[in-house]
Every structure is written in C-alpha cells, then in structure tokens.
Amino acid sequence: MGKVIWAPSALKDIDSIAEFIARDSVDQAALFVVRLFEATDRLQKFPLSGRVIPEIGNQSCREIIYGSYRIMYRFDNDGVWITGVVHGARKWDPE
C-alpha cells in the first residue's frame, strides 16, 4: 500500500481542534496532535483497519476513532487519503 496523505481540509480540522484544546492547555493540545498523527500510522500497512463510514457505506471510505474524534479516510492503490477529522458528537453529512 502507498503512503498516508493528509488533505488540507483535514489539517485545517486538526488546527481548529488544537486551538480549542489550547484554550485550556497548550501542552495537551500539542500532545493531542502528536497522538492523533500516531493513530494514523498503521494505515500505511493496514488501510482496512478502520471501519466503513456508516453515512457513506463505501468499502474504500473508512474511519478510525481517536478519543472522541473520527479520522475519516479513503484508500486506493496509490495510498491512504485522510479527508477529515470531526468530533463524534457532531452531526456529519457526507455532502
């Protein structure tokens, strides 16, 4: 399998989440970001390790859960494309 590629929109999601966490603790925000990236390391070798995103139902569109967050991605022969990071309590619409 190919490499893990982060979409600009997913990186923007992480920045927003980190800014929110940093209001209480800059250290916790930094730790959150590091661990979130570490949670996606396995996708390079095991892209099927996430569950199919229920709202989409496509086998190539999956997510892994990190804490309260959904890390959404799709994969193909070229790699894993992380498309977004959203809070699990947030209503998410694929459109």
C-alpha atoms as a PDB file:
ATOM      1  CA  MET A   1       0.000   0.000   0.000  1.00  0.00           C
ATOM      2  CA  GLY A   2       1.131   3.570  -0.583  1.00  0.00           C
ATOM      3  CA  LYS A   3       1.746   6.403   1.797  1.00  0.00           C
ATOM      4  CA  VAL A   4      -0.641   8.326   4.035  1.00  0.00           C
ATOM      5  CA  ILE A   5      -1.551  11.732   2.589  1.00  0.00           C
ATOM      6  CA  TRP A   6      -3.355  14.418   4.574  1.00  0.00           C
ATOM      7  CA  ALA A   7      -5.840  16.621   2.742  1.00  0.00           C
ATOM      8  CA  PRO A   8      -5.526  20.337   3.526  1.00  0.00           C
ATOM      9  CA  SER A   9      -9.072  20.253   4.911  1.00  0.00           C
ATOM     10  CA  ALA A  10      -8.109  17.513   7.401  1.00  0.00           C
ATOM     11  CA  LEU A  11      -5.073  19.512   8.545  1.00  0.00           C
ATOM     12  CA  LYS A  12      -7.337  22.546   8.979  1.00  0.00           C
ATOM     13  CA  ASP A  13      -9.667  20.392  11.121  1.00  0.00           C
ATOM     14  CA  ILE A  14      -6.726  19.437  13.343  1.00  0.00           C
ATOM     15  CA  ASP A  15      -5.621  23.059  13.664  1.00  0.00           C
ATOM     16  CA  SER A  16      -9.124  24.070  14.765  1.00  0.00           C
ATOM     17  CA  ILE A  17      -9.333  21.260  17.318  1.00  0.00           C
ATOM     18  CA  ALA A  18      -5.863  22.052  18.681  1.00  0.00           C
ATOM     19  CA  GLU A  19      -6.751  25.746  19.012  1.00  0.00           C
ATOM     20  CA  PHE A  20      -9.839  24.797  21.014  1.00  0.00           C
ATOM     21  CA  ILE A  21      -7.879  22.463  23.326  1.00  0.00           C
ATOM     22  CA  ALA A  22      -5.103  25.068  23.722  1.00  0.00           C
ATOM     23  CA  ARG A  23      -7.567  27.446  25.393  1.00  0.00           C
ATOM     24  CA  ASP A  24      -7.183  25.217  28.454  1.00  0.00           C
ATOM     25  CA  SER A  25      -3.726  23.717  27.884  1.00  0.00           C
ATOM     26  CA  VAL A  26      -1.162  24.282  25.153  1.00  0.00           C
ATOM     27  CA  ASP A  27       0.680  21.131  26.255  1.00  0.00           C
ATOM     28  CA  GLN A  28      -2.466  18.997  25.973  1.00  0.00           C
ATOM     29  CA  ALA A  29      -3.190  20.444  22.537  1.00  0.00           C
ATOM     30  CA  ALA A  30       0.296  19.531  21.322  1.00  0.00           C
ATOM     31  CA  LEU A  31       0.013  16.037  22.804  1.00  0.00           C
ATOM     32  CA  PHE A  32      -3.385  15.564  21.157  1.00  0.00           C
ATOM     33  CA  VAL A  33      -1.956  16.417  17.735  1.00  0.00           C
ATOM     34  CA  VAL A  34       1.039  14.095  18.127  1.00  0.00           C
ATOM     35  CA  ARG A  35      -1.120  11.184  19.251  1.00  0.00           C
ATOM     36  CA  LEU A  36      -3.685  11.775  16.537  1.00  0.00           C
ATOM     37  CA  PHE A  37      -0.983  11.516  13.881  1.00  0.00           C
ATOM     38  CA  GLU A  38       0.382   8.392  15.595  1.00  0.00           C
ATOM     39  CA  ALA A  39      -3.109   6.849  15.476  1.00  0.00           C
ATOM     40  CA  THR A  40      -2.968   7.001  11.679  1.00  0.00           C
ATOM     41  CA  ASP A  41       0.490   5.401  11.309  1.00  0.00           C
ATOM     42  CA  ARG A  42      -0.963   1.911  10.918  1.00  0.00           C
ATOM     43  CA  LEU A  43      -3.000   2.924   7.876  1.00  0.00           C
ATOM     44  CA  GLN A  44       0.031   2.732   5.620  1.00  0.00           C
ATOM     45  CA  LYS A  45       0.219  -1.033   6.104  1.00  0.00           C
ATOM     46  CA  PHE A  46      -3.337  -1.763   7.235  1.00  0.00           C
ATOM     47  CA  PRO A  47      -5.785   0.516   5.382  1.00  0.00           C
ATOM     48  CA  LEU A  48      -8.678  -1.837   6.136  1.00  0.00           C
ATOM     49  CA  SER A  49      -8.155  -1.469   9.894  1.00  0.00           C
ATOM     50  CA  GLY A  50     -10.756   1.282  10.135  1.00  0.00           C
ATOM     51  CA  ARG A  51     -14.492   0.735   9.965  1.00  0.00           C
ATOM     52  CA  VAL A  52     -16.586   1.675   6.966  1.00  0.00           C
ATOM     53  CA  ILE A  53     -18.059   5.151   7.454  1.00  0.00           C
ATOM     54  CA  PRO A  54     -21.731   4.409   8.190  1.00  0.00           C
ATOM     55  CA  GLU A  55     -23.023   7.550   6.441  1.00  0.00           C
ATOM     56  CA  ILE A  56     -21.286   6.545   3.195  1.00  0.00           C
ATOM     57  CA  GLY A  57     -21.290   2.737   3.137  1.00  0.00           C
ATOM     58  CA  ASN A  58     -18.428   2.522   0.627  1.00  0.00           C
ATOM     59  CA  GLN A  59     -15.730  -0.062   1.459  1.00  0.00           C
ATOM     60  CA  SER A  60     -12.939   2.335   0.469  1.00  0.00           C
ATOM     61  CA  CYS A  61     -14.215   5.152   2.719  1.00  0.00           C
ATOM     62  CA  ARG A  62     -13.321   4.364   6.319  1.00  0.00           C
ATOM     63  CA  GLU A  63     -12.619   5.927   9.672  1.00  0.00           C
ATOM     64  CA  ILE A  64     -10.638   5.270  12.777  1.00  0.00           C
ATOM     65  CA  ILE A  65     -11.647   6.610  16.134  1.00  0.00           C
ATOM     66  CA  TYR A  66      -9.215   8.550  18.289  1.00  0.00           C
ATOM     67  CA  GLY A  67     -10.764   9.607  21.587  1.00  0.00           C
ATOM     68  CA  SER A  68     -13.933  11.477  20.695  1.00  0.00           C
ATOM     69  CA  TYR A  69     -12.825  12.128  17.120  1.00  0.00           C
ATOM     70  CA  ARG A  70     -13.483  10.407  13.825  1.00  0.00           C
ATOM     71  CA  ILE A  71     -10.487  10.375  11.479  1.00  0.00           C
ATOM     72  CA  MET A  72     -12.008   9.809   8.055  1.00  0.00           C
ATOM     73  CA  TYR A  73     -10.088   8.486   5.093  1.00  0.00           C
ATOM     74  CA  ARG A  74     -10.352   6.768   1.747  1.00  0.00           C
ATOM     75  CA  PHE A  75      -7.852   4.491   0.124  1.00  0.00           C
ATOM     76  CA  ASP A  76      -6.913   3.253  -3.323  1.00  0.00           C
ATOM     77  CA  ASN A  77      -3.867   1.706  -4.966  1.00  0.00           C
ATOM     78  CA  ASP A  78      -1.935   4.961  -4.629  1.00  0.00           C
ATOM     79  CA  GLY A  79      -2.327   5.392  -0.883  1.00  0.00           C
ATOM     80  CA  VAL A  80      -4.486   6.463   2.009  1.00  0.00           C
ATOM     81  CA  TRP A  81      -6.039   9.927   1.812  1.00  0.00           C
ATOM     82  CA  ILE A  82      -7.115  11.373   5.149  1.00  0.00           C
ATOM     83  CA  THR A  83     -10.020  13.635   4.331  1.00  0.00           C
ATOM     84  CA  GLY A  84     -11.293  14.939   7.650  1.00  0.00           C
ATOM     85  CA  VAL A  85     -11.268  14.873  11.428  1.00  0.00           C
ATOM     86  CA  VAL A  86     -14.578  15.559  13.179  1.00  0.00           C
ATOM     87  CA  HIS A  87     -15.888  15.254  16.712  1.00  0.00           C
ATOM     88  CA  GLY A  88     -18.038  12.155  17.117  1.00  0.00           C
ATOM     89  CA  ALA A  89     -20.888  14.131  18.677  1.00  0.00           C
ATOM     90  CA  ARG A  90     -21.080  16.419  15.657  1.00  0.00           C
ATOM     91  CA  LYS A  91     -23.687  15.586  13.048  1.00  0.00           C
ATOM     92  CA  TRP A  92     -21.700  14.916   9.902  1.00  0.00           C
ATOM     93  CA  ASP A  93     -23.163  14.944   6.416  1.00  0.00           C
ATOM     94  CA  PRO A  94     -21.027  13.472   3.610  1.00  0.00           C
ATOM     95  CA  GLU A  95     -22.344  16.030   1.132  1.00  0.00           C
END
